[in-house]
Protein backbone atom coordinates (compact mmCIF):
# COMPACT_ATOMS: atom_id res chain seq x y z
CA UNK A 1 116.83 31.70 74.14
CA UNK A 2 115.22 35.02 73.23
CA UNK A 3 112.90 37.08 75.40
CA UNK A 4 109.85 35.07 74.31
CA UNK A 5 111.20 31.88 75.86
CA UNK A 6 110.80 29.84 72.65
CA UNK A 7 112.40 29.96 69.15
CA UNK A 8 109.63 31.81 67.30
CA UNK A 9 111.76 32.72 64.28
CA UNK A 10 113.12 29.20 63.82
CA UNK A 11 109.56 27.92 63.98
CA UNK A 12 108.55 30.36 61.24
CA UNK A 13 111.33 28.98 59.03
CA UNK A 14 111.13 25.35 60.05
CA UNK A 15 107.37 24.74 60.07
CA UNK A 16 106.94 24.96 56.27
CA UNK A 17 110.00 22.74 55.77
CA UNK A 18 108.55 20.10 58.06
CA UNK A 19 105.28 20.35 56.15
CA UNK A 20 107.11 19.87 52.84
CA UNK A 21 108.84 16.76 54.19
CA UNK A 22 105.53 15.32 55.42
CA UNK A 23 103.95 15.92 52.02
CA UNK A 24 106.95 14.24 50.40
CA UNK A 25 106.29 11.12 52.50
CA UNK A 26 102.67 10.79 51.33
CA UNK A 27 101.54 8.62 48.44
CA UNK A 28 101.32 10.40 45.08
CA UNK A 29 97.55 9.91 44.86
CA UNK A 30 96.86 11.13 48.43
CA UNK A 31 95.81 14.55 47.17
CA UNK A 32 93.38 15.30 49.95
CA UNK A 33 96.01 14.54 52.62
CA UNK A 34 98.59 16.68 50.81
CA UNK A 35 96.20 19.63 50.64
CA UNK A 36 95.28 19.20 54.30
CA UNK A 37 98.92 19.18 55.45
CA UNK A 38 99.74 22.24 53.34
CA UNK A 39 96.72 24.16 54.62
CA UNK A 40 97.35 23.34 58.28
CA UNK A 41 101.05 24.24 58.02
CA UNK A 42 100.48 27.49 56.11
CA UNK A 43 97.70 28.69 58.41
CA UNK A 44 99.72 27.78 61.51
CA UNK A 45 102.68 29.75 60.17
CA UNK A 46 100.48 32.74 59.37
CA UNK A 47 99.22 32.62 62.97
CA UNK A 48 102.84 32.62 64.21
CA UNK A 49 103.61 35.67 62.04
CA UNK A 50 100.54 37.51 63.34
CA UNK A 51 101.67 36.74 66.87
CA UNK A 52 105.12 38.12 66.03
CA UNK A 53 103.57 41.42 64.89
CA UNK A 54 101.56 41.73 68.10
CA UNK A 55 104.58 40.83 70.27
CA UNK A 56 106.92 43.35 68.63
CA UNK A 57 108.00 46.28 70.78
CA UNK A 58 108.11 49.70 69.03
CA UNK A 59 111.90 49.82 69.33
CA UNK A 60 114.78 50.01 66.91
CA UNK A 61 117.10 47.04 66.48
CA UNK A 62 116.44 43.33 66.27
CA UNK A 63 114.15 41.44 68.63
CA UNK A 64 113.51 37.71 69.22
CA UNK A 65 117.19 37.11 68.34
CA UNK A 66 118.38 33.51 67.94
CA UNK A 67 122.07 32.74 67.45
CA UNK A 68 123.92 29.42 67.35
CA UNK A 69 127.57 29.05 66.31
CA UNK A 70 128.30 26.87 63.29
CA UNK A 71 132.02 27.32 62.73
CA UNK A 72 133.06 29.83 65.36
CA UNK A 73 136.68 29.99 64.17
CA UNK A 74 135.66 31.59 60.89
CA UNK A 75 132.67 33.49 62.25
CA UNK A 76 129.89 31.37 60.77
CA UNK A 77 126.68 31.03 62.76
CA UNK A 78 122.95 30.57 62.47
CA UNK A 79 121.65 34.02 63.39
CA UNK A 80 118.14 35.37 62.85
CA UNK A 81 116.33 38.42 64.16
CA UNK A 82 113.17 40.43 63.62
CA UNK A 83 112.56 44.18 63.65
CA UNK A 84 109.93 46.64 62.50
CA UNK A 85 111.02 46.26 58.87
CA UNK A 86 111.27 42.55 58.18
CA UNK A 87 108.31 41.60 60.39
CA UNK A 88 105.99 42.90 57.65
CA UNK A 89 107.80 40.98 54.93
CA UNK A 90 107.49 37.79 56.97
CA UNK A 91 103.80 38.43 57.60
CA UNK A 92 103.19 39.02 53.90
CA UNK A 93 105.01 35.81 52.97
CA UNK A 94 103.00 33.74 55.42
CA UNK A 95 99.66 35.25 54.34
CA UNK A 96 100.31 34.83 50.61
CA UNK A 97 101.22 31.16 51.03
CA UNK A 98 97.67 30.01 51.87
CA UNK A 99 96.45 32.36 49.13
CA UNK A 100 98.61 30.49 46.60
CA UNK A 101 97.26 27.19 47.94
CA UNK A 102 93.73 28.51 47.60
CA UNK A 103 94.34 29.52 44.00
CA UNK A 104 95.48 25.96 43.24
CA UNK A 105 92.70 24.14 45.03
CA UNK A 106 91.01 22.92 41.82
CA UNK A 107 94.19 21.76 40.11
CA UNK A 108 94.35 18.01 39.56
CA UNK A 109 97.94 17.45 38.40
CA UNK A 110 101.28 17.70 40.22
CA UNK A 111 99.51 18.26 43.53
CA UNK A 112 102.22 16.61 45.62
CA UNK A 113 105.10 18.56 44.10
CA UNK A 114 103.14 21.82 44.03
CA UNK A 115 102.26 21.81 47.72
CA UNK A 116 105.74 20.73 48.79
CA UNK A 117 107.46 23.34 46.60
CA UNK A 118 105.19 26.17 47.77
CA UNK A 119 106.06 25.36 51.39
CA UNK A 120 109.79 25.20 50.62
CA UNK A 121 109.50 28.55 48.84
CA UNK A 122 107.71 30.01 51.86
CA UNK A 123 110.43 28.79 54.23
CA UNK A 124 113.17 30.16 51.96
CA UNK A 125 111.51 33.56 51.75
CA UNK A 126 111.02 33.79 55.51
CA UNK A 127 114.61 32.66 56.12
CA UNK A 128 115.98 35.31 53.78
CA UNK A 129 114.00 38.05 55.52
CA UNK A 130 115.02 36.93 59.01
CA UNK A 131 118.70 36.07 58.48
CA UNK A 132 121.21 38.44 60.08
CA UNK A 133 124.24 36.31 59.18
CA UNK A 134 125.34 37.17 55.64
CA UNK A 135 126.15 33.63 54.55
CA UNK A 136 122.86 32.38 55.96
CA UNK A 137 121.06 35.12 54.05
CA UNK A 138 122.88 34.09 50.88
CA UNK A 139 121.83 30.46 51.33
CA UNK A 140 118.15 31.36 51.75
CA UNK A 141 118.38 33.96 48.97
CA UNK A 142 119.57 31.23 46.58
CA UNK A 143 117.13 28.64 47.95
CA UNK A 144 114.19 30.70 46.68
CA UNK A 145 115.31 30.03 43.11
CA UNK A 146 115.00 26.25 43.26
CA UNK A 147 111.31 25.72 44.19
CA UNK A 148 110.21 28.62 41.98
CA UNK A 149 112.10 27.34 38.93
CA UNK A 150 110.68 23.85 39.50
CA UNK A 151 107.16 25.25 39.83
CA UNK A 152 107.52 27.05 36.50
CA UNK A 153 109.17 24.10 34.72
CA UNK A 154 106.78 21.38 35.91
CA UNK A 155 103.47 23.23 36.05
CA UNK A 156 103.84 26.22 33.75
CA UNK A 157 102.39 26.78 30.31
CA UNK A 158 103.94 27.66 26.96
CA UNK A 159 107.72 27.47 26.86
CA UNK A 160 107.85 26.80 30.58
CA UNK A 161 111.23 25.06 30.68
CA UNK A 162 112.99 27.91 28.88
CA UNK A 163 111.33 30.42 31.22
CA UNK A 164 112.39 28.37 34.25
CA UNK A 165 115.99 28.21 33.07
CA UNK A 166 116.07 31.95 32.41
CA UNK A 167 114.50 32.61 35.81
CA UNK A 168 117.14 30.50 37.53
CA UNK A 169 120.21 31.58 35.58
CA UNK A 170 119.74 35.36 35.65
CA UNK A 171 119.42 35.80 39.44
CA UNK A 172 121.97 33.06 40.11
CA UNK A 173 124.64 34.82 38.05
CA UNK A 174 123.89 38.08 39.86
CA UNK A 175 124.18 36.31 43.20
CA UNK A 176 127.71 35.15 42.37
CA UNK A 177 128.77 38.80 42.35
CA UNK A 178 127.07 39.30 45.72
CA UNK A 179 128.94 36.30 47.15
CA UNK A 180 132.23 37.83 45.98
CA UNK A 181 131.25 41.12 47.62
CA UNK A 182 130.38 39.32 50.86
CA UNK A 183 133.82 37.73 50.86
CA UNK A 184 135.48 41.08 50.19
CA UNK A 185 133.48 42.78 52.95
CA UNK A 186 134.26 40.08 55.53
CA UNK A 187 137.96 40.10 54.68
CA UNK A 188 138.09 43.92 54.89
CA UNK A 189 136.42 43.79 58.29
CA UNK A 190 138.86 41.12 59.50
CA UNK A 191 141.89 43.08 58.29
CA UNK A 192 140.82 46.21 60.14
CA UNK A 193 139.30 44.76 63.31
CA UNK A 194 140.89 41.32 63.68
CA UNK A 195 137.41 39.77 63.97
CA UNK A 196 136.28 37.24 61.38
CA UNK A 197 132.49 37.42 61.21
CA UNK A 198 129.58 37.28 58.79
CA UNK A 199 127.25 38.97 61.28
CA UNK A 200 125.56 41.87 59.48
CA UNK A 201 124.84 43.67 62.76
CA UNK A 202 128.51 43.67 63.75
CA UNK A 203 129.71 44.72 60.29
CA UNK A 204 127.17 47.54 59.87
CA UNK A 205 128.02 48.70 63.41
CA UNK A 206 131.71 48.81 62.47
CA UNK A 207 130.86 50.95 59.45
CA UNK A 208 128.77 53.28 61.61
CA UNK A 209 131.37 53.81 64.35
CA UNK A 210 134.26 54.16 61.91
CA UNK A 211 136.02 50.93 62.86
CA UNK A 212 135.63 49.71 59.27
CA UNK A 213 136.67 52.30 56.69
CA UNK A 214 136.99 51.22 53.05
CA UNK A 215 138.78 52.81 50.16
CA UNK A 216 136.13 54.56 47.99
CA UNK A 217 136.92 52.42 44.94
CA UNK A 218 136.74 49.20 46.96
CA UNK A 219 133.50 50.29 48.59
CA UNK A 220 131.93 51.05 45.21
CA UNK A 221 133.07 47.73 43.78
CA UNK A 222 131.64 45.76 46.71
CA UNK A 223 128.43 47.80 46.58
CA UNK A 224 128.12 46.97 42.87
CA UNK A 225 128.14 43.23 43.65
CA UNK A 226 125.26 43.56 46.11
CA UNK A 227 123.40 45.98 43.86
CA UNK A 228 123.59 43.73 40.80
CA UNK A 229 122.20 40.73 42.67
CA UNK A 230 119.37 42.72 44.23
CA UNK A 231 118.56 44.71 41.06
CA UNK A 232 118.10 41.48 39.08
CA UNK A 233 115.95 39.93 41.79
CA UNK A 234 113.81 43.06 42.30
CA UNK A 235 113.78 43.50 39.18
CA UNK A 236 114.36 46.98 37.81
CA UNK A 237 115.17 48.06 34.27
CA UNK A 238 117.31 46.85 32.49
CA UNK A 239 117.60 43.71 34.67
CA UNK A 240 113.90 42.84 34.35
CA UNK A 241 113.81 40.73 31.19
CA UNK A 242 113.44 37.39 32.96
CA UNK A 243 110.27 38.38 34.80
CA UNK A 244 107.59 38.80 32.09
CA UNK A 245 108.62 35.53 30.47
CA UNK A 246 108.55 33.76 33.83
CA UNK A 247 105.15 35.22 34.69
CA UNK A 248 103.69 34.25 31.31
CA UNK A 249 104.78 30.64 31.89
CA UNK A 250 103.96 30.45 35.59
CA UNK A 251 100.78 28.62 36.64
CA UNK A 252 98.14 31.04 37.85
CA UNK A 253 98.46 29.77 41.41
CA UNK A 254 102.25 30.24 41.53
CA UNK A 255 102.03 33.85 40.38
CA UNK A 256 100.56 34.87 43.72
CA UNK A 257 103.77 34.09 45.59
CA UNK A 258 106.20 35.12 42.85
CA UNK A 259 104.74 38.58 42.28
CA UNK A 260 103.47 39.09 45.79
CA UNK A 261 106.62 38.51 47.81
CA UNK A 262 109.53 36.85 45.96
CA UNK A 263 110.34 40.05 44.06
CA UNK A 264 110.52 42.02 47.30
CA UNK A 265 113.67 40.19 48.44
CA UNK A 266 115.81 42.33 46.15
CA UNK A 267 114.43 45.62 47.47
CA UNK A 268 114.69 44.31 51.03
CA UNK A 269 118.33 43.38 50.45
CA UNK A 270 119.08 46.90 49.22
CA UNK A 271 117.53 48.34 52.36
CA UNK A 272 118.95 45.85 54.84
CA UNK A 273 122.48 45.26 53.51
CA UNK A 274 123.61 47.36 50.53
CA UNK A 275 122.91 50.75 52.12
CA UNK A 276 124.17 50.14 55.69
CA UNK A 277 127.37 48.42 54.52
CA UNK A 278 128.26 50.94 51.82
CA UNK A 279 126.65 54.30 52.74
CA UNK A 280 129.11 56.45 50.77
CA UNK A 281 128.83 54.31 47.63
CA UNK A 282 125.03 54.21 47.95
CA UNK A 283 124.89 58.00 48.19
CA UNK A 284 127.27 58.31 45.23
CA UNK A 285 125.22 55.88 43.10
CA UNK A 286 121.78 57.17 44.15
CA UNK A 287 121.26 59.61 41.21
CA UNK A 288 122.03 56.88 38.64
CA UNK A 289 119.91 54.30 40.46
CA UNK A 290 117.11 56.88 40.69
CA UNK A 291 117.25 57.20 36.90
CA UNK A 292 116.93 53.41 36.56
CA UNK A 293 113.96 53.50 38.95
CA UNK A 294 112.22 56.21 36.92
CA UNK A 295 112.88 54.34 33.67
CA UNK A 296 111.40 51.21 35.30
CA UNK A 297 108.27 53.15 36.19
CA UNK A 298 107.80 54.72 32.74
CA UNK A 299 109.06 51.85 30.56
CA UNK A 300 106.94 49.26 32.36
CA UNK A 301 103.86 51.46 32.05
CA UNK A 302 104.34 51.95 28.31
CA UNK A 303 104.97 48.24 27.66
CA UNK A 304 102.04 47.22 29.87
CA UNK A 305 99.67 49.40 27.86
CA UNK A 306 100.20 47.24 24.79
CA UNK A 307 99.86 43.85 26.48
CA UNK A 308 96.88 41.58 25.80
CA UNK A 309 97.89 38.78 28.19
CA UNK A 310 96.66 40.10 31.54
CA UNK A 311 99.30 38.22 33.54
CA UNK A 312 102.10 39.78 31.52
CA UNK A 313 100.44 43.18 31.92
CA UNK A 314 100.37 42.72 35.68
CA UNK A 315 104.01 41.65 35.75
CA UNK A 316 104.97 44.98 34.18
CA UNK A 317 102.72 46.74 36.67
CA UNK A 318 104.71 45.06 39.44
CA UNK A 319 108.00 46.28 37.94
CA UNK A 320 106.54 49.79 37.89
CA UNK A 321 105.59 49.60 41.58
CA UNK A 322 109.09 48.44 42.45
CA UNK A 323 110.48 51.52 40.72
CA UNK A 324 108.75 53.60 43.41
CA UNK A 325 110.26 51.32 46.05
CA UNK A 326 113.77 51.95 44.71
CA UNK A 327 113.19 55.70 44.65
CA UNK A 328 112.12 55.62 48.29
CA UNK A 329 115.03 53.45 49.40
CA UNK A 330 117.73 55.52 47.70
CA UNK A 331 116.26 58.78 48.93
CA UNK A 332 117.70 57.60 52.28
CA UNK A 333 115.07 59.67 54.10
CA UNK A 334 112.61 58.53 56.75
CA UNK A 335 109.70 59.45 54.46
CA UNK A 336 111.16 57.63 51.47
CA UNK A 337 112.16 54.45 53.30
CA UNK A 338 108.78 54.31 55.05
CA UNK A 339 107.07 54.76 51.69
CA UNK A 340 109.21 52.01 50.15
CA UNK A 341 108.29 49.60 52.95
CA UNK A 342 104.58 50.39 52.70
CA UNK A 343 104.69 50.08 48.89
CA UNK A 344 106.33 46.65 49.14
CA UNK A 345 103.53 45.49 51.43
CA UNK A 346 100.80 47.10 49.34
CA UNK A 347 102.18 45.77 46.07
CA UNK A 348 102.11 42.27 47.53
CA UNK A 349 98.46 42.64 48.47
CA UNK A 350 97.23 44.28 45.26
CA UNK A 351 99.23 42.23 42.77
CA UNK A 352 98.39 39.05 44.67
CA UNK A 353 94.70 39.94 44.45
CA UNK A 354 94.92 40.90 40.77
CA UNK A 355 96.71 37.68 39.83
CA UNK A 356 94.06 35.73 41.73
CA UNK A 357 91.34 37.63 39.85
CA UNK A 358 92.99 36.90 36.49
CA UNK A 359 93.25 33.25 37.50
CA UNK A 360 89.50 33.13 38.19
CA UNK A 361 88.73 34.74 34.84
CA UNK A 362 91.10 32.39 33.01
CA UNK A 363 89.58 29.34 34.72
CA UNK A 364 86.11 30.25 33.45
CA UNK A 365 87.03 31.38 29.94
CA UNK A 366 90.19 29.35 29.30
CA UNK A 367 92.07 32.48 28.27
CA UNK A 368 94.04 35.33 29.80
CA UNK A 369 93.66 37.57 26.77
CA UNK A 370 91.73 40.70 27.70
CA UNK A 371 90.17 40.79 24.21
CA UNK A 372 88.34 37.53 24.95
CA UNK A 373 86.22 39.16 27.67
CA UNK A 374 83.41 41.68 27.74
CA UNK A 375 80.62 42.78 30.02
CA UNK A 376 81.75 40.84 33.10
CA UNK A 377 80.21 43.50 35.34
CA UNK A 378 76.73 42.72 33.99
CA UNK A 379 76.92 39.03 34.83
CA UNK A 380 79.19 39.23 37.90
CA UNK A 381 78.61 42.63 39.57
CA UNK A 382 80.09 41.68 42.96
CA UNK A 383 83.23 40.36 41.30
CA UNK A 384 83.37 43.49 39.17
CA UNK A 385 83.13 45.76 42.20
CA UNK A 386 85.91 43.98 44.07
CA UNK A 387 88.12 44.07 41.00
CA UNK A 388 87.51 47.80 40.53
CA UNK A 389 88.51 48.55 44.13
CA UNK A 390 91.66 46.47 43.65
CA UNK A 391 92.51 48.34 40.45
CA UNK A 392 91.95 51.66 42.23
CA UNK A 393 94.26 50.51 45.02
CA UNK A 394 96.93 49.53 42.50
CA UNK A 395 96.89 52.92 40.77
CA UNK A 396 97.10 54.81 44.04
CA UNK A 397 93.63 56.30 44.56
CA UNK A 398 93.58 58.19 47.91
CA UNK A 399 91.87 56.27 50.68
CA UNK A 400 93.28 52.95 49.49
CA UNK A 401 96.59 51.36 50.37
CA UNK A 402 98.48 52.16 47.17
CA UNK A 403 98.33 55.93 47.69
CA UNK A 404 100.23 56.46 50.92
CA UNK A 405 103.23 54.32 49.99
CA UNK A 406 103.83 55.94 46.60
CA UNK A 407 103.21 59.40 48.05
CA UNK A 408 105.78 58.93 50.80
CA UNK A 409 108.30 57.43 48.35
CA UNK A 410 107.97 60.48 46.12
CA UNK A 411 108.07 62.84 49.10
CA UNK A 412 111.32 61.22 50.20
CA UNK A 413 112.77 61.53 46.69
CA UNK A 414 111.73 65.20 46.60
CA UNK A 415 113.42 65.92 49.95
CA UNK A 416 116.61 64.00 49.13
CA UNK A 417 119.38 66.29 47.86
CA UNK A 418 120.80 63.46 45.74
CA UNK A 419 117.46 63.06 43.90
CA UNK A 420 114.97 65.95 43.85
CA UNK A 421 111.89 67.17 42.02
CA UNK A 422 112.92 66.02 38.51
CA UNK A 423 112.71 62.35 39.56
CA UNK A 424 109.34 62.94 41.20
CA UNK A 425 107.98 64.65 38.07
CA UNK A 426 108.69 61.62 35.91
CA UNK A 427 107.37 59.28 38.62
CA UNK A 428 104.05 61.17 38.61
CA UNK A 429 103.81 60.61 34.85
CA UNK A 430 104.24 56.91 35.58
CA UNK A 431 101.27 57.01 37.97
CA UNK A 432 99.11 58.55 35.24
CA UNK A 433 100.21 55.88 32.77
CA UNK A 434 99.51 53.09 35.27
CA UNK A 435 95.97 54.39 35.65
CA UNK A 436 95.64 54.34 31.87
CA UNK A 437 96.66 50.73 31.27
CA UNK A 438 94.88 49.23 34.28
CA UNK A 439 91.63 51.10 33.65
CA UNK A 440 91.86 50.19 29.97
CA UNK A 441 92.17 46.53 30.94
CA UNK A 442 89.26 46.86 33.33
CA UNK A 443 87.06 48.62 30.77
CA UNK A 444 87.73 45.98 28.12
CA UNK A 445 87.06 43.03 30.43
CA UNK A 446 84.20 44.32 32.61
CA UNK A 447 82.41 46.94 30.54
CA UNK A 448 80.46 46.56 27.30
CA UNK A 449 77.87 43.98 26.36
CA UNK A 450 77.99 40.58 27.95
CA UNK A 451 78.18 37.66 25.50
CA UNK A 452 75.01 35.61 25.17
CA UNK A 453 76.92 32.36 25.54
CA UNK A 454 79.76 31.48 27.95
CA UNK A 455 79.29 34.61 30.04
CA UNK A 456 81.48 34.97 33.12
CA UNK A 457 79.52 34.23 36.28
CA UNK A 458 80.11 35.22 39.87
CA UNK A 459 82.93 33.27 41.54
CA UNK A 460 81.91 30.95 44.34
CA UNK A 461 81.61 32.18 47.90
CA UNK A 462 85.06 31.11 49.00
CA UNK A 463 86.69 32.96 46.09
CA UNK A 464 84.69 36.10 46.77
CA UNK A 465 85.51 35.83 50.48
CA UNK A 466 89.28 35.67 49.85
CA UNK A 467 89.21 38.63 47.46
CA UNK A 468 87.00 40.53 49.90
CA UNK A 469 89.51 40.00 52.73
CA UNK A 470 92.29 41.38 50.55
CA UNK A 471 90.13 44.37 49.61
CA UNK A 472 89.36 45.01 53.28
CA UNK A 473 93.10 45.02 53.99
CA UNK A 474 93.61 47.55 51.16
CA UNK A 475 90.96 49.84 52.64
CA UNK A 476 92.17 49.51 56.24
CA UNK A 477 95.82 50.23 55.35
CA UNK A 478 94.71 53.11 53.13
CA UNK A 479 92.75 54.72 55.95
CA UNK A 480 95.02 53.72 58.83
CA UNK A 481 98.61 53.34 57.58
CA UNK A 482 99.70 53.79 61.21
CA UNK A 483 98.98 50.07 61.59
CA UNK A 484 102.27 49.57 59.75
CA UNK A 485 104.19 52.66 60.77
CA UNK A 486 103.55 52.26 64.50
CA UNK A 487 105.62 49.07 64.36
CA UNK A 488 108.17 50.14 61.73
CA UNK A 489 108.93 53.77 62.67
CA UNK A 490 111.62 53.06 65.26
CA UNK A 491 113.51 50.64 62.99
CA UNK A 492 113.23 52.92 59.95
CA UNK A 493 114.39 55.95 61.95
CA UNK A 494 117.36 54.05 63.35
CA UNK A 495 118.33 52.84 59.88
CA UNK A 496 118.13 56.30 58.31
CA UNK A 497 120.07 57.87 61.20
CA UNK A 498 122.82 55.31 60.74
CA UNK A 499 122.97 56.02 57.01
CA UNK A 500 123.18 59.74 57.59
CA UNK A 501 125.90 59.36 60.20
CA UNK A 502 127.93 56.88 58.14
CA UNK A 503 127.84 58.84 54.89
CA UNK A 504 129.28 62.03 56.41
């Protein structure tokens, strides 16, 4: 048992799964009961995650560790842990789950499957963030594909089935390469140490202390397997093609979880596994990966500018944000990694809010095309104000949450000898372009004359309250980013020190 005296992390993973099973046992027409179970489970899990944040000690390394042997002879075990990095990913996943449920509250079809799948997705995400055993991480990493693909296929619009298949196949193929790299890494560790284990803490420790030393070509090959899987899942250019199609087909409610947190697993995997296991290969590949990150930022901004479907536009905006995350991670500096972590959190908040806003607009007008709207500010000024603050947060206006993360990511890239000012220069251009396409969308939808008939009206109080809470979070993090860094600093510093020591 860990220092808390109860299995907090297993509860975070298991509670949504129990909720999904309970929903599965209800009658198909018991919609009210299904909603009630999903709400109670998701709110209870969010409360557990908030407790975890408050109980965290400002120390490096994992806390609340739980470990149970599965097959001890071959080193397989159930092992989970929490530190100052993944605690924020878990909190974001638990908070966005009730937000996704809220966005779907007025849906009348597929209620049973929707609520069960959202809870399974939540459990899979939390499990992937908490797993310290590599095979366990792989299982949860793959599990996220199933409920998401089913959500798209059964409740999406347009060519939903084709989008679901593409969503499933692309990341799954990438994950096969990661599985091969896991096998190669475990075998290499066994050959040099005599210990068969999938424990990421033990393996990264062996890399750090020099017990595990790989041939440069082998290290680069194994790194490539992890990188491919995580780059597709993130996604960054040119591995991004599945995402806009999936977002266009995804129901408005499902977009909250997909954009808000699912895409962060790839970046988290880079930070947690790819860099500590293969520090020399990561340093060697950093300039090329930095180029891909910059292309993601610029390409996504250019493509987003021409989009009329607001959901597709926001999906490209998400890809652009993740370009900054990759720059920060592969700077391998404290500033850059801290900026990447903050940007992952902030992107989840802002994109989740923006997708919720687009869902509200689409529900009233029956369209997501920005050209079908005008003058929303005149008929819904409160809604317009909240949307404007969210847009400002997304484009990185100082004083809001988007600024500090992107600034630190670029500062880290500037300080990193393997990257430098050229990468930052192009990233700044991407920020300017992001302001252009988001403000253009806002101007077209909210400015101008309001139509005489079918004007957009203010959302109801509950919708305004949810958006307001997200906006408050954007302002608080923007003004007091130490809320995040006070918990994460020790873990980030320990990670960067280990990378620096291992790569020399």
